[in-house]
Structures are given as C-alpha cells and as structure tokens.
Amino acid sequence: MSERLVSDKHIWLTVEGNRATVGITDYAQQQTGDLEFINLPKIGQQVTIGESFADIESLKAIVPLISPLDGTVVETHAEVAKQPTRVNDNPYDAWLVKFEFTRLQDNLLTEAEYRNKTHS
C-alpha cells in the first residue's frame, strides 16, 4: 500500500493506481469524540473535491467529511457503519470509503507534514 496522505480537512487516504481508500484521522476522531453514527455514501455516488461525501455524528457534533478527490464510490465499510466506535479505536484501520478517482486535491500532506501542522 502507498504512503498515507492527509487533507487539510483531516481525511486520510492511501492510493493504489486510480483507487483510494479514505478515512478520518486520529486527530479528527479525538476532536469529534465517541462516534455514534456514520452516514456513508452509496456505491456509484459521484464525489467532488471540497464537497461533503459523508458525515459522522457524535454527542458533540455532526461533522461533514469533505472529499479530497473527484471520483466514484466503489465500496463502503459496512462494519464500521454498524459499529462507528471502531473509528475511535483505530481510525487508520477503520477506513470508510473506497473510491475510483479521476483527480486528487492538490495540497495533500504527507503524514509527517500533517502531524507537524496539527501539533504546532
């Protein structure tokens, strides 16, 4: 699997060819708190950079997840949708959506760059 990249909206992704696996960062799940509900997109849904593709809900807030790519939903993680706290337990194993993409956001960060930005 390729190096994990991170968007400025706290979405991580790994890329293999024209497919990307996407989830939320540890920082995002800490800020949101224990997740109670995840609203995932439907297979075949088109997504656009900068627009919401799903949302997560905790006691604190409902947070839209902002797409770091243009593409089509090809798979969703049904088990995570059934047990949202799996994201709190390990946000990097509990991926949310897999996309076939045509374009990635320009300003994606490496994990090291992201850690420096969120911890400074």
PDB file of N, CA and C in Angstrom:
ATOM      1  N   MET A   1       0.849  -1.181   0.000  1.00  0.00           N
ATOM      2  CA  MET A   1       0.000   0.000   0.000  1.00  0.00           C
ATOM      3  C   MET A   1       0.892   1.241   0.000  1.00  0.00           C
ATOM      4  N   SER A   2       0.440   2.277  -0.603  1.00  0.00           N
ATOM      5  CA  SER A   2       1.227   3.501  -0.718  1.00  0.00           C
ATOM      6  C   SER A   2       1.234   4.284   0.593  1.00  0.00           C
ATOM      7  N   GLU A   3       2.074   5.309   0.631  1.00  0.00           N
ATOM      8  CA  GLU A   3       2.141   6.184   1.793  1.00  0.00           C
ATOM      9  C   GLU A   3       0.789   6.856   2.013  1.00  0.00           C
ATOM     10  N   ARG A   4       0.426   7.008   3.267  1.00  0.00           N
ATOM     11  CA  ARG A   4      -0.825   7.670   3.601  1.00  0.00           C
ATOM     12  C   ARG A   4      -0.668   9.175   3.406  1.00  0.00           C
ATOM     13  N   LEU A   5      -1.640   9.777   2.740  1.00  0.00           N
ATOM     14  CA  LEU A   5      -1.704  11.216   2.547  1.00  0.00           C
ATOM     15  C   LEU A   5      -2.853  11.758   3.379  1.00  0.00           C
ATOM     16  N   VAL A   6      -2.822  13.057   3.677  1.00  0.00           N
ATOM     17  CA  VAL A   6      -3.849  13.641   4.532  1.00  0.00           C
ATOM     18  C   VAL A   6      -4.280  14.990   3.967  1.00  0.00           C
ATOM     19  N   SER A   7      -5.594  15.226   3.990  1.00  0.00           N
ATOM     20  CA  SER A   7      -6.119  16.509   3.522  1.00  0.00           C
ATOM     21  C   SER A   7      -6.155  17.511   4.671  1.00  0.00           C
ATOM     22  N   ASP A   8      -6.309  18.767   4.330  1.00  0.00           N
ATOM     23  CA  ASP A   8      -6.419  19.811   5.349  1.00  0.00           C
ATOM     24  C   ASP A   8      -7.736  19.712   6.117  1.00  0.00           C
ATOM     25  N   LYS A   9      -8.641  18.821   5.687  1.00  0.00           N
ATOM     26  CA  LYS A   9      -9.920  18.606   6.378  1.00  0.00           C
ATOM     27  C   LYS A   9      -9.891  17.337   7.228  1.00  0.00           C
ATOM     28  N   HIS A  10      -8.678  16.830   7.513  1.00  0.00           N
ATOM     29  CA  HIS A  10      -8.470  15.691   8.415  1.00  0.00           C
ATOM     30  C   HIS A  10      -8.985  14.363   7.858  1.00  0.00           C
ATOM     31  N   ILE A  11      -8.888  14.218   6.542  1.00  0.00           N
ATOM     32  CA  ILE A  11      -9.241  12.972   5.860  1.00  0.00           C
ATOM     33  C   ILE A  11      -7.944  12.334   5.385  1.00  0.00           C
ATOM     34  N   TRP A  12      -7.721  11.064   5.752  1.00  0.00           N
ATOM     35  CA  TRP A  12      -6.534  10.357   5.246  1.00  0.00           C
ATOM     36  C   TRP A  12      -6.925   9.537   4.028  1.00  0.00           C
ATOM     37  N   LEU A  13      -5.954   9.277   3.168  1.00  0.00           N
ATOM     38  CA  LEU A  13      -6.189   8.405   2.038  1.00  0.00           C
ATOM     39  C   LEU A  13      -4.913   7.699   1.639  1.00  0.00           C
ATOM     40  N   THR A  14      -5.085   6.476   1.152  1.00  0.00           N
ATOM     41  CA  THR A  14      -3.994   5.745   0.526  1.00  0.00           C
ATOM     42  C   THR A  14      -4.417   5.512  -0.914  1.00  0.00           C
ATOM     43  N   VAL A  15      -3.448   5.562  -1.805  1.00  0.00           N
ATOM     44  CA  VAL A  15      -3.724   5.493  -3.235  1.00  0.00           C
ATOM     45  C   VAL A  15      -3.020   4.292  -3.846  1.00  0.00           C
ATOM     46  N   GLU A  16      -3.762   3.528  -4.635  1.00  0.00           N
ATOM     47  CA  GLU A  16      -3.208   2.431  -5.419  1.00  0.00           C
ATOM     48  C   GLU A  16      -3.787   2.554  -6.816  1.00  0.00           C
ATOM     49  N   GLY A  17      -2.946   2.962  -7.768  1.00  0.00           N
ATOM     50  CA  GLY A  17      -3.441   3.184  -9.127  1.00  0.00           C
ATOM     51  C   GLY A  17      -4.442   4.326  -9.117  1.00  0.00           C
ATOM     52  N   ASN A  18      -5.650   4.050  -9.627  1.00  0.00           N
ATOM     53  CA  ASN A  18      -6.694   5.080  -9.634  1.00  0.00           C
ATOM     54  C   ASN A  18      -7.746   4.824  -8.551  1.00  0.00           C
ATOM     55  N   ARG A  19      -7.354   4.079  -7.526  1.00  0.00           N
ATOM     56  CA  ARG A  19      -8.254   3.807  -6.395  1.00  0.00           C
ATOM     57  C   ARG A  19      -7.682   4.393  -5.118  1.00  0.00           C
ATOM     58  N   ALA A  20      -8.563   4.901  -4.283  1.00  0.00           N
ATOM     59  CA  ALA A  20      -8.150   5.481  -2.999  1.00  0.00           C
ATOM     60  C   ALA A  20      -9.037   4.938  -1.890  1.00  0.00           C
ATOM     61  N   THR A  21      -8.416   4.584  -0.784  1.00  0.00           N
ATOM     62  CA  THR A  21      -9.111   4.201   0.433  1.00  0.00           C
ATOM     63  C   THR A  21      -9.054   5.409   1.362  1.00  0.00           C
ATOM     64  N   VAL A  22     -10.205   5.756   1.965  1.00  0.00           N
ATOM     65  CA  VAL A  22     -10.334   7.014   2.699  1.00  0.00           C
ATOM     66  C   VAL A  22     -10.909   6.773   4.096  1.00  0.00           C
ATOM     67  N   GLY A  23     -10.419   7.560   5.061  1.00  0.00           N
ATOM     68  CA  GLY A  23     -10.944   7.524   6.419  1.00  0.00           C
ATOM     69  C   GLY A  23     -10.677   8.858   7.093  1.00  0.00           C
ATOM     70  N   ILE A  24     -10.972   8.936   8.397  1.00  0.00           N
ATOM     71  CA  ILE A  24     -10.681  10.172   9.129  1.00  0.00           C
ATOM     72  C   ILE A  24      -9.436   9.957   9.992  1.00  0.00           C
ATOM     73  N   THR A  25      -8.752  11.033  10.279  1.00  0.00           N
ATOM     74  CA  THR A  25      -7.520  10.955  11.063  1.00  0.00           C
ATOM     75  C   THR A  25      -7.811  10.748  12.546  1.00  0.00           C
ATOM     76  N   ASP A  26      -6.765  10.363  13.256  1.00  0.00           N
ATOM     77  CA  ASP A  26      -6.869  10.224  14.703  1.00  0.00           C
ATOM     78  C   ASP A  26      -7.229  11.569  15.329  1.00  0.00           C
ATOM     79  N   TYR A  27      -6.622  12.630  14.839  1.00  0.00           N
ATOM     80  CA  TYR A  27      -6.928  13.976  15.326  1.00  0.00           C
ATOM     81  C   TYR A  27      -8.428  14.272  15.165  1.00  0.00           C
ATOM     82  N   ALA A  28      -8.988  13.948  14.013  1.00  0.00           N
ATOM     83  CA  ALA A  28     -10.411  14.207  13.754  1.00  0.00           C
ATOM     84  C   ALA A  28     -11.300  13.431  14.715  1.00  0.00           C
ATOM     85  N   GLN A  29     -10.988  12.152  14.931  1.00  0.00           N
ATOM     86  CA  GLN A  29     -11.849  11.368  15.824  1.00  0.00           C
ATOM     87  C   GLN A  29     -11.706  11.844  17.259  1.00  0.00           C
ATOM     88  N   GLN A  30     -10.523  12.321  17.666  1.00  0.00           N
ATOM     89  CA  GLN A  30     -10.352  12.864  19.018  1.00  0.00           C
ATOM     90  C   GLN A  30     -11.173  14.136  19.200  1.00  0.00           C
ATOM     91  N   GLN A  31     -11.174  14.988  18.180  1.00  0.00           N
ATOM     92  CA  GLN A  31     -11.912  16.248  18.253  1.00  0.00           C
ATOM     93  C   GLN A  31     -13.422  16.016  18.276  1.00  0.00           C
ATOM     94  N   THR A  32     -13.869  14.975  17.591  1.00  0.00           N
ATOM     95  CA  THR A  32     -15.296  14.685  17.487  1.00  0.00           C
ATOM     96  C   THR A  32     -15.821  13.937  18.710  1.00  0.00           C
ATOM     97  N   GLY A  33     -15.000  13.060  19.281  1.00  0.00           N
ATOM     98  CA  GLY A  33     -15.439  12.245  20.411  1.00  0.00           C
ATOM     99  C   GLY A  33     -16.007  10.916  19.927  1.00  0.00           C
ATOM    100  N   ASP A  34     -16.586  10.156  20.836  1.00  0.00           N
ATOM    101  CA  ASP A  34     -17.102   8.833  20.501  1.00  0.00           C
ATOM    102  C   ASP A  34     -18.177   8.933  19.431  1.00  0.00           C
ATOM    103  N   LEU A  35     -17.932   8.242  18.329  1.00  0.00           N
ATOM    104  CA  LEU A  35     -18.877   8.284  17.217  1.00  0.00           C
ATOM    105  C   LEU A  35     -20.088   7.414  17.508  1.00  0.00           C
ATOM    106  N   GLU A  36     -21.248   7.947  17.176  1.00  0.00           N
ATOM    107  CA  GLU A  36     -22.498   7.222  17.367  1.00  0.00           C
ATOM    108  C   GLU A  36     -23.117   6.792  16.041  1.00  0.00           C
ATOM    109  N   PHE A  37     -22.791   7.518  14.971  1.00  0.00           N
ATOM    110  CA  PHE A  37     -23.401   7.230  13.677  1.00  0.00           C
ATOM    111  C   PHE A  37     -22.470   7.690  12.566  1.00  0.00           C
ATOM    112  N   ILE A  38     -22.403   6.898  11.507  1.00  0.00           N
ATOM    113  CA  ILE A  38     -21.660   7.281  10.307  1.00  0.00           C
ATOM    114  C   ILE A  38     -22.603   7.130   9.125  1.00  0.00           C
ATOM    115  N   ASN A  39     -22.791   8.201   8.403  1.00  0.00           N
ATOM    116  CA  ASN A  39     -23.639   8.213   7.213  1.00  0.00           C
ATOM    117  C   ASN A  39     -22.725   8.123   5.994  1.00  0.00           C
ATOM    118  N   LEU A  40     -22.612   6.923   5.421  1.00  0.00           N
ATOM    119  CA  LEU A  40     -21.727   6.701   4.279  1.00  0.00           C
ATOM    120  C   LEU A  40     -22.475   6.896   2.962  1.00  0.00           C
ATOM    121  N   PRO A  41     -21.743   7.225   1.903  1.00  0.00           N
ATOM    122  CA  PRO A  41     -22.382   7.414   0.598  1.00  0.00           C
ATOM    123  C   PRO A  41     -22.796   6.078  -0.010  1.00  0.00           C
ATOM    124  N   LYS A  42     -23.567   6.146  -1.066  1.00  0.00           N
ATOM    125  CA  LYS A  42     -24.000   4.941  -1.788  1.00  0.00           C
ATOM    126  C   LYS A  42     -22.968   4.571  -2.854  1.00  0.00           C
ATOM    127  N   ILE A  43     -22.856   3.283  -3.134  1.00  0.00           N
ATOM    128  CA  ILE A  43     -21.991   2.807  -4.215  1.00  0.00           C
ATOM    129  C   ILE A  43     -22.450   3.497  -5.507  1.00  0.00           C
ATOM    130  N   GLY A  44     -21.489   3.980  -6.271  1.00  0.00           N
ATOM    131  CA  GLY A  44     -21.801   4.661  -7.522  1.00  0.00           C
ATOM    132  C   GLY A  44     -21.964   6.163  -7.390  1.00  0.00           C
ATOM    133  N   GLN A  45     -22.043   6.659  -6.156  1.00  0.00           N
ATOM    134  CA  GLN A  45     -22.185   8.108  -5.950  1.00  0.00           C
ATOM    135  C   GLN A  45     -20.942   8.823  -6.448  1.00  0.00           C
ATOM    136  N   GLN A  46     -21.149   9.932  -7.123  1.00  0.00           N
ATOM    137  CA  GLN A  46     -20.053  10.782  -7.603  1.00  0.00           C
ATOM    138  C   GLN A  46     -19.688  11.775  -6.496  1.00  0.00           C
ATOM    139  N   VAL A  47     -18.389  12.024  -6.318  1.00  0.00           N
ATOM    140  CA  VAL A  47     -17.929  12.994  -5.335  1.00  0.00           C
ATOM    141  C   VAL A  47     -17.012  14.006  -6.013  1.00  0.00           C
ATOM    142  N   THR A  48     -16.950  15.187  -5.411  1.00  0.00           N
ATOM    143  CA  THR A  48     -16.150  16.282  -5.951  1.00  0.00           C
ATOM    144  C   THR A  48     -15.272  16.852  -4.847  1.00  0.00           C
ATOM    145  N   ILE A  49     -14.052  17.209  -5.178  1.00  0.00           N
ATOM    146  CA  ILE A  49     -13.138  17.830  -4.227  1.00  0.00           C
ATOM    147  C   ILE A  49     -13.833  19.021  -3.560  1.00  0.00           C
ATOM    148  N   GLY A  50     -13.732  19.069  -2.236  1.00  0.00           N
ATOM    149  CA  GLY A  50     -14.277  20.191  -1.485  1.00  0.00           C
ATOM    150  C   GLY A  50     -15.733  20.063  -1.088  1.00  0.00           C
ATOM    151  N   GLU A  51     -16.395  18.994  -1.538  1.00  0.00           N
ATOM    152  CA  GLU A  51     -17.799  18.790  -1.172  1.00  0.00           C
ATOM    153  C   GLU A  51     -17.926  17.618  -0.201  1.00  0.00           C
ATOM    154  N   SER A  52     -18.981  17.619   0.586  1.00  0.00           N
ATOM    155  CA  SER A  52     -19.225  16.556   1.554  1.00  0.00           C
ATOM    156  C   SER A  52     -19.575  15.250   0.839  1.00  0.00           C
ATOM    157  N   PHE A  53     -18.959  14.152   1.289  1.00  0.00           N
ATOM    158  CA  PHE A  53     -19.288  12.836   0.731  1.00  0.00           C
ATOM    159  C   PHE A  53     -19.930  11.927   1.772  1.00  0.00           C
ATOM    160  N   ALA A  54     -19.864  12.313   3.050  1.00  0.00           N
ATOM    161  CA  ALA A  54     -20.430  11.525   4.145  1.00  0.00           C
ATOM    162  C   ALA A  54     -20.439  12.418   5.375  1.00  0.00           C
ATOM    163  N   ASP A  55     -20.998  11.900   6.480  1.00  0.00           N
ATOM    164  CA  ASP A  55     -20.869  12.630   7.733  1.00  0.00           C
ATOM    165  C   ASP A  55     -20.778  11.663   8.897  1.00  0.00           C
ATOM    166  N   ILE A  56     -20.172  12.165   9.968  1.00  0.00           N
ATOM    167  CA  ILE A  56     -20.039  11.391  11.193  1.00  0.00           C
ATOM    168  C   ILE A  56     -20.749  12.152  12.305  1.00  0.00           C
ATOM    169  N   GLU A  57     -21.287  11.395  13.257  1.00  0.00           N
ATOM    170  CA  GLU A  57     -22.064  12.022  14.321  1.00  0.00           C
ATOM    171  C   GLU A  57     -21.612  11.489  15.679  1.00  0.00           C
ATOM    172  N   SER A  58     -21.422  12.418  16.599  1.00  0.00           N
ATOM    173  CA  SER A  58     -21.133  12.087  17.994  1.00  0.00           C
ATOM    174  C   SER A  58     -22.081  12.903  18.862  1.00  0.00           C
ATOM    175  N   LEU A  59     -21.926  12.785  20.188  1.00  0.00           N
ATOM    176  CA  LEU A  59     -22.730  13.623  21.072  1.00  0.00           C
ATOM    177  C   LEU A  59     -22.372  15.093  20.896  1.00  0.00           C
ATOM    178  N   LYS A  60     -21.126  15.365  20.483  1.00  0.00           N
ATOM    179  CA  LYS A  60     -20.655  16.741  20.328  1.00  0.00           C
ATOM    180  C   LYS A  60     -21.177  17.420  19.067  1.00  0.00           C
ATOM    181  N   ALA A  61     -21.213  16.679  17.951  1.00  0.00           N
ATOM    182  CA  ALA A  61     -21.498  17.343  16.678  1.00  0.00           C
ATOM    183  C   ALA A  61     -21.790  16.351  15.561  1.00  0.00           C
ATOM    184  N   ILE A  62     -22.364  16.888  14.490  1.00  0.00           N
ATOM    185  CA  ILE A  62     -22.448  16.180  13.220  1.00  0.00           C
ATOM    186  C   ILE A  62     -21.428  16.861  12.313  1.00  0.00           C
ATOM    187  N   VAL A  63     -20.481  16.088  11.812  1.00  0.00           N
ATOM    188  CA  VAL A  63     -19.371  16.651  11.048  1.00  0.00           C
ATOM    189  C   VAL A  63     -19.399  16.116   9.617  1.00  0.00           C
ATOM    190  N   PRO A  64     -19.489  17.017   8.633  1.00  0.00           N
ATOM    191  CA  PRO A  64     -19.411  16.568   7.243  1.00  0.00           C
ATOM    192  C   PRO A  64     -17.974  16.183   6.895  1.00  0.00           C
ATOM    193  N   LEU A  65     -17.816  15.139   6.115  1.00  0.00           N
ATOM    194  CA  LEU A  65     -16.499  14.728   5.640  1.00  0.00           C
ATOM    195  C   LEU A  65     -16.322  15.295   4.241  1.00  0.00           C
ATOM    196  N   ILE A  66     -15.256  16.052   4.056  1.00  0.00           N
ATOM    197  CA  ILE A  66     -15.030  16.788   2.821  1.00  0.00           C
ATOM    198  C   ILE A  66     -14.076  16.002   1.914  1.00  0.00           C
ATOM    199  N   SER A  67     -14.488  15.799   0.697  1.00  0.00           N
ATOM    200  CA  SER A  67     -13.754  14.955  -0.242  1.00  0.00           C
ATOM    201  C   SER A  67     -12.417  15.564  -0.669  1.00  0.00           C
ATOM    202  N   PRO A  68     -11.350  14.745  -0.615  1.00  0.00           N
ATOM    203  CA  PRO A  68     -10.050  15.181  -1.111  1.00  0.00           C
ATOM    204  C   PRO A  68      -9.823  14.747  -2.568  1.00  0.00           C
ATOM    205  N   LEU A  69     -10.908  14.309  -3.244  1.00  0.00           N
ATOM    206  CA  LEU A  69     -10.760  13.808  -4.603  1.00  0.00           C
ATOM    207  C   LEU A  69     -12.046  13.945  -5.399  1.00  0.00           C
ATOM    208  N   ASP A  70     -11.902  13.836  -6.711  1.00  0.00           N
ATOM    209  CA  ASP A  70     -13.046  13.705  -7.619  1.00  0.00           C
ATOM    210  C   ASP A  70     -13.118  12.236  -7.982  1.00  0.00           C
ATOM    211  N   GLY A  71     -14.288  11.628  -7.887  1.00  0.00           N
ATOM    212  CA  GLY A  71     -14.381  10.230  -8.244  1.00  0.00           C
ATOM    213  C   GLY A  71     -15.729   9.617  -7.939  1.00  0.00           C
ATOM    214  N   THR A  72     -15.723   8.282  -7.902  1.00  0.00           N
ATOM    215  CA  THR A  72     -16.929   7.489  -7.719  1.00  0.00           C
ATOM    216  C   THR A  72     -16.733   6.516  -6.559  1.00  0.00           C
ATOM    217  N   VAL A  73     -17.731   6.391  -5.712  1.00  0.00           N
ATOM    218  CA  VAL A  73     -17.700   5.428  -4.612  1.00  0.00           C
ATOM    219  C   VAL A  73     -17.787   4.014  -5.185  1.00  0.00           C
ATOM    220  N   VAL A  74     -16.809   3.172  -4.832  1.00  0.00           N
ATOM    221  CA  VAL A  74     -16.831   1.787  -5.298  1.00  0.00           C
ATOM    222  C   VAL A  74     -17.050   0.786  -4.162  1.00  0.00           C
ATOM    223  N   GLU A  75     -16.832   1.230  -2.904  1.00  0.00           N
ATOM    224  CA  GLU A  75     -17.038   0.339  -1.768  1.00  0.00           C
ATOM    225  C   GLU A  75     -17.175   1.176  -0.501  1.00  0.00           C
ATOM    226  N   THR A  76     -18.022   0.715   0.413  1.00  0.00           N
ATOM    227  CA  THR A  76     -18.116   1.337   1.732  1.00  0.00           C
ATOM    228  C   THR A  76     -17.860   0.273   2.788  1.00  0.00           C
ATOM    229  N   HIS A  77     -17.412   0.696   3.949  1.00  0.00           N
ATOM    230  CA  HIS A  77     -17.076  -0.220   5.036  1.00  0.00           C
ATOM    231  C   HIS A  77     -18.305  -0.430   5.928  1.00  0.00           C
ATOM    232  N   ALA A  78     -19.096  -1.401   5.575  1.00  0.00           N
ATOM    233  CA  ALA A  78     -20.374  -1.649   6.259  1.00  0.00           C
ATOM    234  C   ALA A  78     -20.192  -1.947   7.742  1.00  0.00           C
ATOM    235  N   GLU A  79     -19.137  -2.656   8.104  1.00  0.00           N
ATOM    236  CA  GLU A  79     -18.919  -2.992   9.516  1.00  0.00           C
ATOM    237  C   GLU A  79     -18.673  -1.742  10.362  1.00  0.00           C
ATOM    238  N   VAL A  80     -17.966  -0.774   9.798  1.00  0.00           N
ATOM    239  CA  VAL A  80     -17.726   0.475  10.515  1.00  0.00           C
ATOM    240  C   VAL A  80     -19.026   1.261  10.651  1.00  0.00           C
ATOM    241  N   ALA A  81     -19.859   1.215   9.626  1.00  0.00           N
ATOM    242  CA  ALA A  81     -21.157   1.893   9.708  1.00  0.00           C
ATOM    243  C   ALA A  81     -22.010   1.284  10.822  1.00  0.00           C
ATOM    244  N   LYS A  82     -21.901  -0.036  11.027  1.00  0.00           N
ATOM    245  CA  LYS A  82     -22.659  -0.712  12.086  1.00  0.00           C
ATOM    246  C   LYS A  82     -22.061  -0.456  13.465  1.00  0.00           C
ATOM    247  N   GLN A  83     -20.731  -0.302  13.529  1.00  0.00           N
ATOM    248  CA  GLN A  83     -20.029  -0.085  14.799  1.00  0.00           C
ATOM    249  C   GLN A  83     -19.101   1.128  14.654  1.00  0.00           C
ATOM    250  N   PRO A  84     -19.657   2.337  14.691  1.00  0.00           N
ATOM    251  CA  PRO A  84     -18.862   3.550  14.471  1.00  0.00           C
ATOM    252  C   PRO A  84     -17.697   3.735  15.432  1.00  0.00           C
ATOM    253  N   THR A  85     -17.793   3.205  16.655  1.00  0.00           N
ATOM    254  CA  THR A  85     -16.697   3.403  17.607  1.00  0.00           C
ATOM    255  C   THR A  85     -15.419   2.688  17.167  1.00  0.00           C
ATOM    256  N   ARG A  86     -15.503   1.823  16.168  1.00  0.00           N
ATOM    257  CA  ARG A  86     -14.276   1.213  15.618  1.00  0.00           C
ATOM    258  C   ARG A  86     -13.350   2.297  15.080  1.00  0.00           C
ATOM    259  N   VAL A  87     -13.927   3.392  14.586  1.00  0.00           N
ATOM    260  CA  VAL A  87     -13.117   4.516  14.103  1.00  0.00           C
ATOM    261  C   VAL A  87     -12.381   5.152  15.275  1.00  0.00           C
ATOM    262  N   ASN A  88     -13.039   5.278  16.422  1.00  0.00           N
ATOM    263  CA  ASN A  88     -12.382   5.830  17.603  1.00  0.00           C
ATOM    264  C   ASN A  88     -11.257   4.911  18.088  1.00  0.00           C
ATOM    265  N   ASP A  89     -11.473   3.603  17.990  1.00  0.00           N
ATOM    266  CA  ASP A  89     -10.479   2.639  18.461  1.00  0.00           C
ATOM    267  C   ASP A  89      -9.229   2.648  17.585  1.00  0.00           C
ATOM    268  N   ASN A  90      -9.397   2.709  16.267  1.00  0.00           N
ATOM    269  CA  ASN A  90      -8.255   2.718  15.355  1.00  0.00           C
ATOM    270  C   ASN A  90      -8.675   3.338  14.027  1.00  0.00           C
ATOM    271  N   PRO A  91      -8.595   4.660  13.909  1.00  0.00           N
ATOM    272  CA  PRO A  91      -9.088   5.340  12.707  1.00  0.00           C
ATOM    273  C   PRO A  91      -8.348   4.977  11.422  1.00  0.00           C
ATOM    274  N   TYR A  92      -7.130   4.418  11.539  1.00  0.00           N
ATOM    275  CA  TYR A  92      -6.381   4.094  10.330  1.00  0.00           C
ATOM    276  C   TYR A  92      -6.673   2.679   9.824  1.00  0.00           C
ATOM    277  N   ASP A  93      -7.232   1.825  10.665  1.00  0.00           N
ATOM    278  CA  ASP A  93      -7.707   0.513  10.203  1.00  0.00           C
ATOM    279  C   ASP A  93      -9.171   0.592   9.795  1.00  0.00           C
ATOM    280  N   ALA A  94      -9.909   1.492  10.404  1.00  0.00           N
ATOM    281  CA  ALA A  94     -11.347   1.616  10.164  1.00  0.00           C
ATOM    282  C   ALA A  94     -11.599   2.590   9.009  1.00  0.00           C
ATOM    283  N   TRP A  95     -11.170   2.195   7.823  1.00  0.00           N
ATOM    284  CA  TRP A  95     -11.426   3.021   6.644  1.00  0.00           C
ATOM    285  C   TRP A  95     -12.928   3.144   6.435  1.00  0.00           C
ATOM    286  N   LEU A  96     -13.340   4.155   5.689  1.00  0.00           N
ATOM    287  CA  LEU A  96     -14.767   4.409   5.492  1.00  0.00           C
ATOM    288  C   LEU A  96     -15.244   4.107   4.075  1.00  0.00           C
ATOM    289  N   VAL A  97     -14.510   4.609   3.083  1.00  0.00           N
ATOM    290  CA  VAL A  97     -14.963   4.522   1.699  1.00  0.00           C
ATOM    291  C   VAL A  97     -13.773   4.244   0.783  1.00  0.00           C
ATOM    292  N   LYS A  98     -14.040   3.491  -0.286  1.00  0.00           N
ATOM    293  CA  LYS A  98     -13.054   3.312  -1.351  1.00  0.00           C
ATOM    294  C   LYS A  98     -13.619   3.965  -2.609  1.00  0.00           C
ATOM    295  N   PHE A  99     -12.757   4.719  -3.280  1.00  0.00           N
ATOM    296  CA  PHE A  99     -13.146   5.464  -4.467  1.00  0.00           C
ATOM    297  C   PHE A  99     -12.310   5.056  -5.674  1.00  0.00           C
ATOM    298  N   GLU A 100     -12.902   5.168  -6.841  1.00  0.00           N
ATOM    299  CA  GLU A 100     -12.153   5.205  -8.079  1.00  0.00           C
ATOM    300  C   GLU A 100     -12.110   6.687  -8.423  1.00  0.00           C
ATOM    301  N   PHE A 101     -10.905   7.256  -8.535  1.00  0.00           N
ATOM    302  CA  PHE A 101     -10.822   8.702  -8.669  1.00  0.00           C
ATOM    303  C   PHE A 101     -10.232   9.138 -10.010  1.00  0.00           C
ATOM    304  N   THR A 102     -10.565  10.371 -10.368  1.00  0.00           N
ATOM    305  CA  THR A 102     -10.020  10.979 -11.580  1.00  0.00           C
ATOM    306  C   THR A 102      -9.053  12.106 -11.252  1.00  0.00           C
ATOM    307  N   ARG A 103      -9.155  12.653 -10.025  1.00  0.00           N
ATOM    308  CA  ARG A 103      -8.275  13.754  -9.643  1.00  0.00           C
ATOM    309  C   ARG A 103      -8.189  13.813  -8.125  1.00  0.00           C
ATOM    310  N   LEU A 104      -6.968  14.096  -7.619  1.00  0.00           N
ATOM    311  CA  LEU A 104      -6.751  14.297  -6.186  1.00  0.00           C
ATOM    312  C   LEU A 104      -6.601  15.782  -5.895  1.00  0.00           C
ATOM    313  N   GLN A 105      -6.964  16.155  -4.695  1.00  0.00           N
ATOM    314  CA  GLN A 105      -6.759  17.526  -4.213  1.00  0.00           C
ATOM    315  C   GLN A 105      -5.272  17.864  -4.332  1.00  0.00           C
ATOM    316  N   ASP A 106      -4.948  19.095  -4.712  1.00  0.00           N
ATOM    317  CA  ASP A 106      -3.563  19.499  -4.956  1.00  0.00           C
ATOM    318  C   ASP A 106      -2.698  19.563  -3.703  1.00  0.00           C
ATOM    319  N   ASN A 107      -3.232  19.989  -2.593  1.00  0.00           N
ATOM    320  CA  ASN A 107      -2.409  20.289  -1.418  1.00  0.00           C
ATOM    321  C   ASN A 107      -2.430  19.202  -0.346  1.00  0.00           C
ATOM    322  N   LEU A 108      -2.453  17.932  -0.741  1.00  0.00           N
ATOM    323  CA  LEU A 108      -2.422  16.855   0.243  1.00  0.00           C
ATOM    324  C   LEU A 108      -1.071  16.835   0.944  1.00  0.00           C
ATOM    325  N   LEU A 109      -1.088  16.485   2.224  1.00  0.00           N
ATOM    326  CA  LEU A 109       0.115  16.456   3.047  1.00  0.00           C
ATOM    327  C   LEU A 109       0.579  15.025   3.269  1.00  0.00           C
ATOM    328  N   THR A 110       1.871  14.846   3.508  1.00  0.00           N
ATOM    329  CA  THR A 110       2.347  13.555   3.994  1.00  0.00           C
ATOM    330  C   THR A 110       1.919  13.453   5.455  1.00  0.00           C
ATOM    331  N   GLU A 111       2.001  12.263   6.028  1.00  0.00           N
ATOM    332  CA  GLU A 111       1.638  12.127   7.446  1.00  0.00           C
ATOM    333  C   GLU A 111       2.524  12.986   8.345  1.00  0.00           C
ATOM    334  N   ALA A 112       3.818  13.056   8.037  1.00  0.00           N
ATOM    335  CA  ALA A 112       4.736  13.864   8.846  1.00  0.00           C
ATOM    336  C   ALA A 112       4.361  15.346   8.767  1.00  0.00           C
ATOM    337  N   GLU A 113       4.067  15.831   7.580  1.00  0.00           N
ATOM    338  CA  GLU A 113       3.651  17.232   7.422  1.00  0.00           C
ATOM    339  C   GLU A 113       2.365  17.504   8.197  1.00  0.00           C
ATOM    340  N   TYR A 114       1.430  16.567   8.117  1.00  0.00           N
ATOM    341  CA  TYR A 114       0.158  16.718   8.824  1.00  0.00           C
ATOM    342  C   TYR A 114       0.371  16.744  10.336  1.00  0.00           C
ATOM    343  N   ARG A 115       1.177  15.816  10.853  1.00  0.00           N
ATOM    344  CA  ARG A 115       1.448  15.777  12.300  1.00  0.00           C
ATOM    345  C   ARG A 115       2.074  17.099  12.758  1.00  0.00           C
ATOM    346  N   ASN A 116       3.028  17.613  11.983  1.00  0.00           N
ATOM    347  CA  ASN A 116       3.654  18.887  12.343  1.00  0.00           C
ATOM    348  C   ASN A 116       2.635  20.016  12.367  1.00  0.00           C
ATOM    349  N   LYS A 117       1.715  19.993  11.435  1.00  0.00           N
ATOM    350  CA  LYS A 117       0.693  21.053  11.339  1.00  0.00           C
ATOM    351  C   LYS A 117      -0.320  20.971  12.495  1.00  0.00           C
ATOM    352  N   THR A 118      -0.762  19.764  12.835  1.00  0.00           N
ATOM    353  CA  THR A 118      -1.784  19.615  13.882  1.00  0.00           C
ATOM    354  C   THR A 118      -1.207  19.682  15.285  1.00  0.00           C
ATOM    355  N   HIS A 119       0.092  19.509  15.426  1.00  0.00           N
ATOM    356  CA  HIS A 119       0.711  19.541  16.763  1.00  0.00           C
ATOM    357  C   HIS A 119       1.518  20.808  16.996  1.00  0.00           C
ATOM    358  N   SER A 120       1.391  21.781  16.110  1.00  0.00           N
ATOM    359  CA  SER A 120       2.158  23.021  16.308  1.00  0.00           C
ATOM    360  C   SER A 120       1.307  24.113  16.893  1.00  0.00           C
TER     361      SER A 120
END
